[in-house]
Amino acid sequence: MDKPALDLSKLTADEKLELIDDLWRSLSSDDLPLSSEPRAELDRRLDRLEREGPVGVPWEDVRAEMTTRES
């Protein structure tokens, strides 16, 4: 397979992150070698996420609190 020339040093941080995201999304679950134990843990976590929704503090709330503390 021919690889296109890509000078990573010329990419911005945002472009590099976008490239990483594109590469990650291009992988199928079969491309990720996981033994049964980590796979089962990921399945449990995905099931919990589907049942309970995301947990944590939204970025906007964290940012607002940090801004308030700096003042």
PDB file of N, CA and C in Angstrom:
ATOM      1  N   MET A   1       0.845  -1.176   0.000  1.00  0.00           N
ATOM      2  CA  MET A   1       0.000   0.000   0.000  1.00  0.00           C
ATOM      3  C   MET A   1       0.887   1.235   0.000  1.00  0.00           C
ATOM      4  N   ASP A   2       0.676   2.122  -0.961  1.00  0.00           N
ATOM      5  CA  ASP A   2       1.410   3.374  -1.006  1.00  0.00           C
ATOM      6  C   ASP A   2       0.873   4.307   0.062  1.00  0.00           C
ATOM      7  N   LYS A   3       1.801   4.962   0.758  1.00  0.00           N
ATOM      8  CA  LYS A   3       1.405   5.910   1.790  1.00  0.00           C
ATOM      9  C   LYS A   3       1.568   7.322   1.248  1.00  0.00           C
ATOM     10  N   PRO A   4       0.543   8.140   1.402  1.00  0.00           N
ATOM     11  CA  PRO A   4       0.680   9.517   0.942  1.00  0.00           C
ATOM     12  C   PRO A   4       1.678  10.260   1.820  1.00  0.00           C
ATOM     13  N   ALA A   5       2.400  11.182   1.216  1.00  0.00           N
ATOM     14  CA  ALA A   5       3.353  11.980   1.980  1.00  0.00           C
ATOM     15  C   ALA A   5       2.571  12.911   2.894  1.00  0.00           C
ATOM     16  N   LEU A   6       2.917  12.893   4.163  1.00  0.00           N
ATOM     17  CA  LEU A   6       2.243  13.743   5.132  1.00  0.00           C
ATOM     18  C   LEU A   6       3.292  14.272   6.089  1.00  0.00           C
ATOM     19  N   ASP A   7       3.516  15.550   6.066  1.00  0.00           N
ATOM     20  CA  ASP A   7       4.490  16.169   6.952  1.00  0.00           C
ATOM     21  C   ASP A   7       3.768  16.595   8.223  1.00  0.00           C
ATOM     22  N   LEU A   8       3.855  15.761   9.242  1.00  0.00           N
ATOM     23  CA  LEU A   8       3.140  16.029  10.491  1.00  0.00           C
ATOM     24  C   LEU A   8       3.589  17.319  11.154  1.00  0.00           C
ATOM     25  N   SER A   9       4.828  17.707  10.916  1.00  0.00           N
ATOM     26  CA  SER A   9       5.337  18.926  11.548  1.00  0.00           C
ATOM     27  C   SER A   9       4.630  20.179  11.030  1.00  0.00           C
ATOM     28  N   LYS A  10       3.965  20.078   9.904  1.00  0.00           N
ATOM     29  CA  LYS A  10       3.267  21.237   9.338  1.00  0.00           C
ATOM     30  C   LYS A  10       1.806  21.311   9.764  1.00  0.00           C
ATOM     31  N   LEU A  11       1.335  20.306  10.459  1.00  0.00           N
ATOM     32  CA  LEU A  11      -0.057  20.305  10.915  1.00  0.00           C
ATOM     33  C   LEU A  11      -0.191  21.089  12.214  1.00  0.00           C
ATOM     34  N   THR A  12      -1.306  21.771  12.362  1.00  0.00           N
ATOM     35  CA  THR A  12      -1.602  22.433  13.630  1.00  0.00           C
ATOM     36  C   THR A  12      -2.031  21.373  14.643  1.00  0.00           C
ATOM     37  N   ALA A  13      -2.103  21.762  15.896  1.00  0.00           N
ATOM     38  CA  ALA A  13      -2.550  20.830  16.934  1.00  0.00           C
ATOM     39  C   ALA A  13      -3.962  20.335  16.630  1.00  0.00           C
ATOM     40  N   ASP A  14      -4.834  21.235  16.203  1.00  0.00           N
ATOM     41  CA  ASP A  14      -6.208  20.833  15.871  1.00  0.00           C
ATOM     42  C   ASP A  14      -6.239  19.845  14.711  1.00  0.00           C
ATOM     43  N   GLU A  15      -5.399  20.073  13.709  1.00  0.00           N
ATOM     44  CA  GLU A  15      -5.352  19.162  12.565  1.00  0.00           C
ATOM     45  C   GLU A  15      -4.829  17.789  12.977  1.00  0.00           C
ATOM     46  N   LYS A  16      -3.849  17.768  13.880  1.00  0.00           N
ATOM     47  CA  LYS A  16      -3.313  16.492  14.370  1.00  0.00           C
ATOM     48  C   LYS A  16      -4.383  15.732  15.150  1.00  0.00           C
ATOM     49  N   LEU A  17      -5.115  16.446  15.988  1.00  0.00           N
ATOM     50  CA  LEU A  17      -6.180  15.798  16.755  1.00  0.00           C
ATOM     51  C   LEU A  17      -7.275  15.268  15.837  1.00  0.00           C
ATOM     52  N   GLU A  18      -7.590  16.023  14.802  1.00  0.00           N
ATOM     53  CA  GLU A  18      -8.593  15.558  13.841  1.00  0.00           C
ATOM     54  C   GLU A  18      -8.109  14.305  13.117  1.00  0.00           C
ATOM     55  N   LEU A  19      -6.832  14.269  12.779  1.00  0.00           N
ATOM     56  CA  LEU A  19      -6.258  13.093  12.129  1.00  0.00           C
ATOM     57  C   LEU A  19      -6.322  11.878  13.055  1.00  0.00           C
ATOM     58  N   ILE A  20      -5.980  12.084  14.317  1.00  0.00           N
ATOM     59  CA  ILE A  20      -6.055  10.995  15.298  1.00  0.00           C
ATOM     60  C   ILE A  20      -7.488  10.477  15.389  1.00  0.00           C
ATOM     61  N   ASP A  21      -8.439  11.401  15.461  1.00  0.00           N
ATOM     62  CA  ASP A  21      -9.846  11.010  15.549  1.00  0.00           C
ATOM     63  C   ASP A  21     -10.276  10.237  14.307  1.00  0.00           C
ATOM     64  N   ASP A  22      -9.869  10.708  13.140  1.00  0.00           N
ATOM     65  CA  ASP A  22     -10.212  10.008  11.894  1.00  0.00           C
ATOM     66  C   ASP A  22      -9.631   8.597  11.880  1.00  0.00           C
ATOM     67  N   LEU A  23      -8.381   8.471  12.305  1.00  0.00           N
ATOM     68  CA  LEU A  23      -7.743   7.152  12.336  1.00  0.00           C
ATOM     69  C   LEU A  23      -8.453   6.229  13.324  1.00  0.00           C
ATOM     70  N   TRP A  24      -8.759   6.745  14.501  1.00  0.00           N
ATOM     71  CA  TRP A  24      -9.423   5.941  15.529  1.00  0.00           C
ATOM     72  C   TRP A  24     -10.781   5.446  15.040  1.00  0.00           C
ATOM     73  N   ARG A  25     -11.543   6.343  14.429  1.00  0.00           N
ATOM     74  CA  ARG A  25     -12.879   5.988  13.943  1.00  0.00           C
ATOM     75  C   ARG A  25     -12.820   5.012  12.770  1.00  0.00           C
ATOM     76  N   SER A  26     -11.682   4.977  12.090  1.00  0.00           N
ATOM     77  CA  SER A  26     -11.566   4.073  10.943  1.00  0.00           C
ATOM     78  C   SER A  26     -11.344   2.620  11.362  1.00  0.00           C
ATOM     79  N   LEU A  27     -11.009   2.408  12.633  1.00  0.00           N
ATOM     80  CA  LEU A  27     -10.793   1.048  13.132  1.00  0.00           C
ATOM     81  C   LEU A  27     -12.132   0.393  13.455  1.00  0.00           C
ATOM     82  N   SER A  28     -12.248  -0.866  13.157  1.00  0.00           N
ATOM     83  CA  SER A  28     -13.436  -1.606  13.578  1.00  0.00           C
ATOM     84  C   SER A  28     -13.107  -2.296  14.898  1.00  0.00           C
ATOM     85  N   SER A  29     -14.117  -2.750  15.598  1.00  0.00           N
ATOM     86  CA  SER A  29     -13.875  -3.415  16.879  1.00  0.00           C
ATOM     87  C   SER A  29     -13.027  -4.669  16.697  1.00  0.00           C
ATOM     88  N   ASP A  30     -13.080  -5.270  15.522  1.00  0.00           N
ATOM     89  CA  ASP A  30     -12.260  -6.453  15.257  1.00  0.00           C
ATOM     90  C   ASP A  30     -10.778  -6.111  15.133  1.00  0.00           C
ATOM     91  N   ASP A  31     -10.474  -4.837  14.869  1.00  0.00           N
ATOM     92  CA  ASP A  31      -9.087  -4.406  14.748  1.00  0.00           C
ATOM     93  C   ASP A  31      -8.412  -4.224  16.106  1.00  0.00           C
ATOM     94  N   LEU A  32      -9.194  -4.199  17.166  1.00  0.00           N
ATOM     95  CA  LEU A  32      -8.657  -3.944  18.499  1.00  0.00           C
ATOM     96  C   LEU A  32      -8.525  -5.254  19.261  1.00  0.00           C
ATOM     97  N   PRO A  33      -7.302  -5.729  19.422  1.00  0.00           N
ATOM     98  CA  PRO A  33      -7.117  -7.023  20.088  1.00  0.00           C
ATOM     99  C   PRO A  33      -7.329  -6.912  21.599  1.00  0.00           C
ATOM    100  N   LEU A  34      -8.443  -7.426  22.069  1.00  0.00           N
ATOM    101  CA  LEU A  34      -8.736  -7.441  23.498  1.00  0.00           C
ATOM    102  C   LEU A  34      -9.040  -8.864  23.928  1.00  0.00           C
ATOM    103  N   SER A  35      -8.517  -9.211  25.088  1.00  0.00           N
ATOM    104  CA  SER A  35      -8.867 -10.518  25.637  1.00  0.00           C
ATOM    105  C   SER A  35     -10.291 -10.438  26.177  1.00  0.00           C
ATOM    106  N   SER A  36     -10.818 -11.548  26.608  1.00  0.00           N
ATOM    107  CA  SER A  36     -12.216 -11.586  27.045  1.00  0.00           C
ATOM    108  C   SER A  36     -12.464 -10.734  28.287  1.00  0.00           C
ATOM    109  N   GLU A  37     -11.490 -10.646  29.196  1.00  0.00           N
ATOM    110  CA  GLU A  37     -11.702  -9.879  30.427  1.00  0.00           C
ATOM    111  C   GLU A  37     -11.851  -8.374  30.161  1.00  0.00           C
ATOM    112  N   PRO A  38     -10.922  -7.740  29.447  1.00  0.00           N
ATOM    113  CA  PRO A  38     -11.131  -6.312  29.150  1.00  0.00           C
ATOM    114  C   PRO A  38     -12.363  -6.068  28.280  1.00  0.00           C
ATOM    115  N   ARG A  39     -12.645  -6.969  27.368  1.00  0.00           N
ATOM    116  CA  ARG A  39     -13.829  -6.822  26.513  1.00  0.00           C
ATOM    117  C   ARG A  39     -15.094  -6.854  27.373  1.00  0.00           C
ATOM    118  N   ALA A  40     -15.144  -7.765  28.354  1.00  0.00           N
ATOM    119  CA  ALA A  40     -16.308  -7.858  29.240  1.00  0.00           C
ATOM    120  C   ALA A  40     -16.457  -6.578  30.064  1.00  0.00           C
ATOM    121  N   GLU A  41     -15.341  -6.024  30.534  1.00  0.00           N
ATOM    122  CA  GLU A  41     -15.391  -4.776  31.307  1.00  0.00           C
ATOM    123  C   GLU A  41     -15.906  -3.624  30.446  1.00  0.00           C
ATOM    124  N   LEU A  42     -15.445  -3.534  29.220  1.00  0.00           N
ATOM    125  CA  LEU A  42     -15.942  -2.496  28.315  1.00  0.00           C
ATOM    126  C   LEU A  42     -17.434  -2.664  28.057  1.00  0.00           C
ATOM    127  N   ASP A  43     -17.869  -3.892  27.879  1.00  0.00           N
ATOM    128  CA  ASP A  43     -19.295  -4.150  27.671  1.00  0.00           C
ATOM    129  C   ASP A  43     -20.111  -3.718  28.886  1.00  0.00           C
ATOM    130  N   ARG A  44     -19.602  -4.015  30.101  1.00  0.00           N
ATOM    131  CA  ARG A  44     -20.300  -3.601  31.329  1.00  0.00           C
ATOM    132  C   ARG A  44     -20.408  -2.080  31.387  1.00  0.00           C
ATOM    133  N   ARG A  45     -19.311  -1.402  31.065  1.00  0.00           N
ATOM    134  CA  ARG A  45     -19.317   0.064  31.122  1.00  0.00           C
ATOM    135  C   ARG A  45     -20.256   0.668  30.083  1.00  0.00           C
ATOM    136  N   LEU A  46     -20.278   0.097  28.891  1.00  0.00           N
ATOM    137  CA  LEU A  46     -21.193   0.594  27.866  1.00  0.00           C
ATOM    138  C   LEU A  46     -22.644   0.362  28.265  1.00  0.00           C
ATOM    139  N   ASP A  47     -22.929  -0.798  28.854  1.00  0.00           N
ATOM    140  CA  ASP A  47     -24.288  -1.082  29.328  1.00  0.00           C
ATOM    141  C   ASP A  47     -24.705  -0.065  30.386  1.00  0.00           C
ATOM    142  N   ARG A  48     -23.789   0.234  31.316  1.00  0.00           N
ATOM    143  CA  ARG A  48     -24.087   1.202  32.378  1.00  0.00           C
ATOM    144  C   ARG A  48     -24.318   2.588  31.779  1.00  0.00           C
ATOM    145  N   LEU A  49     -23.499   2.962  30.819  1.00  0.00           N
ATOM    146  CA  LEU A  49     -23.665   4.261  30.165  1.00  0.00           C
ATOM    147  C   LEU A  49     -25.020   4.356  29.482  1.00  0.00           C
ATOM    148  N   GLU A  50     -25.443   3.287  28.835  1.00  0.00           N
ATOM    149  CA  GLU A  50     -26.749   3.283  28.170  1.00  0.00           C
ATOM    150  C   GLU A  50     -27.894   3.354  29.180  1.00  0.00           C
ATOM    151  N   ARG A  51     -27.733   2.690  30.332  1.00  0.00           N
ATOM    152  CA  ARG A  51     -28.775   2.689  31.366  1.00  0.00           C
ATOM    153  C   ARG A  51     -28.853   4.021  32.093  1.00  0.00           C
ATOM    154  N   GLU A  52     -27.688   4.526  32.540  1.00  0.00           N
ATOM    155  CA  GLU A  52     -27.656   5.663  33.457  1.00  0.00           C
ATOM    156  C   GLU A  52     -27.269   6.987  32.801  1.00  0.00           C
ATOM    157  N   GLY A  53     -26.765   6.922  31.593  1.00  0.00           N
ATOM    158  CA  GLY A  53     -26.302   8.142  30.940  1.00  0.00           C
ATOM    159  C   GLY A  53     -24.908   8.508  31.431  1.00  0.00           C
ATOM    160  N   PRO A  54     -24.353   9.546  30.860  1.00  0.00           N
ATOM    161  CA  PRO A  54     -22.992   9.936  31.241  1.00  0.00           C
ATOM    162  C   PRO A  54     -22.949  10.479  32.665  1.00  0.00           C
ATOM    163  N   VAL A  55     -21.838  10.255  33.326  1.00  0.00           N
ATOM    164  CA  VAL A  55     -21.628  10.780  34.671  1.00  0.00           C
ATOM    165  C   VAL A  55     -20.488  11.785  34.610  1.00  0.00           C
ATOM    166  N   GLY A  56     -20.471  12.660  35.558  1.00  0.00           N
ATOM    167  CA  GLY A  56     -19.414  13.662  35.588  1.00  0.00           C
ATOM    168  C   GLY A  56     -20.013  15.054  35.582  1.00  0.00           C
ATOM    169  N   VAL A  57     -19.120  16.013  35.477  1.00  0.00           N
ATOM    170  CA  VAL A  57     -19.506  17.413  35.494  1.00  0.00           C
ATOM    171  C   VAL A  57     -19.289  17.981  34.094  1.00  0.00           C
ATOM    172  N   PRO A  58     -20.282  18.646  33.533  1.00  0.00           N
ATOM    173  CA  PRO A  58     -20.107  19.225  32.203  1.00  0.00           C
ATOM    174  C   PRO A  58     -18.952  20.232  32.181  1.00  0.00           C
ATOM    175  N   TRP A  59     -18.249  20.275  31.056  1.00  0.00           N
ATOM    176  CA  TRP A  59     -17.101  21.166  30.910  1.00  0.00           C
ATOM    177  C   TRP A  59     -17.473  22.616  31.218  1.00  0.00           C
ATOM    178  N   GLU A  60     -18.632  23.057  30.799  1.00  0.00           N
ATOM    179  CA  GLU A  60     -19.038  24.438  31.033  1.00  0.00           C
ATOM    180  C   GLU A  60     -19.080  24.745  32.530  1.00  0.00           C
ATOM    181  N   ASP A  61     -19.552  23.789  33.337  1.00  0.00           N
ATOM    182  CA  ASP A  61     -19.611  23.980  34.787  1.00  0.00           C
ATOM    183  C   ASP A  61     -18.211  24.028  35.390  1.00  0.00           C
ATOM    184  N   VAL A  62     -17.338  23.144  34.943  1.00  0.00           N
ATOM    185  CA  VAL A  62     -15.961  23.117  35.445  1.00  0.00           C
ATOM    186  C   VAL A  62     -15.269  24.428  35.103  1.00  0.00           C
ATOM    187  N   ARG A  63     -15.423  24.853  33.870  1.00  0.00           N
ATOM    188  CA  ARG A  63     -14.782  26.091  33.419  1.00  0.00           C
ATOM    189  C   ARG A  63     -15.293  27.288  34.212  1.00  0.00           C
ATOM    190  N   ALA A  64     -16.599  27.349  34.429  1.00  0.00           N
ATOM    191  CA  ALA A  64     -17.177  28.457  35.192  1.00  0.00           C
ATOM    192  C   ALA A  64     -16.633  28.474  36.614  1.00  0.00           C
ATOM    193  N   GLU A  65     -16.511  27.302  37.219  1.00  0.00           N
ATOM    194  CA  GLU A  65     -15.980  27.231  38.584  1.00  0.00           C
ATOM    195  C   GLU A  65     -14.517  27.657  38.623  1.00  0.00           C
ATOM    196  N   MET A  66     -13.738  27.239  37.645  1.00  0.00           N
ATOM    197  CA  MET A  66     -12.325  27.621  37.600  1.00  0.00           C
ATOM    198  C   MET A  66     -12.180  29.128  37.409  1.00  0.00           C
ATOM    199  N   THR A  67     -13.019  29.698  36.571  1.00  0.00           N
ATOM    200  CA  THR A  67     -12.969  31.139  36.331  1.00  0.00           C
ATOM    201  C   THR A  67     -13.330  31.896  37.601  1.00  0.00           C
ATOM    202  N   THR A  68     -14.316  31.392  38.327  1.00  0.00           N
ATOM    203  CA  THR A  68     -14.733  32.024  39.576  1.00  0.00           C
ATOM    204  C   THR A  68     -13.615  31.966  40.611  1.00  0.00           C
ATOM    205  N   ARG A  69     -12.920  30.843  40.700  1.00  0.00           N
ATOM    206  CA  ARG A  69     -11.830  30.691  41.669  1.00  0.00           C
ATOM    207  C   ARG A  69     -10.660  31.620  41.372  1.00  0.00           C
ATOM    208  N   GLU A  70     -10.408  31.881  40.086  1.00  0.00           N
ATOM    209  CA  GLU A  70      -9.291  32.736  39.698  1.00  0.00           C
ATOM    210  C   GLU A  70      -9.559  34.196  40.019  1.00  0.00           C
ATOM    211  N   SER A  71     -10.820  34.577  40.118  1.00  0.00           N
ATOM    212  CA  SER A  71     -11.175  35.988  40.349  1.00  0.00           C
ATOM    213  C   SER A  71     -10.955  36.397  41.774  1.00  0.00           C
TER     214      SER A  71
END
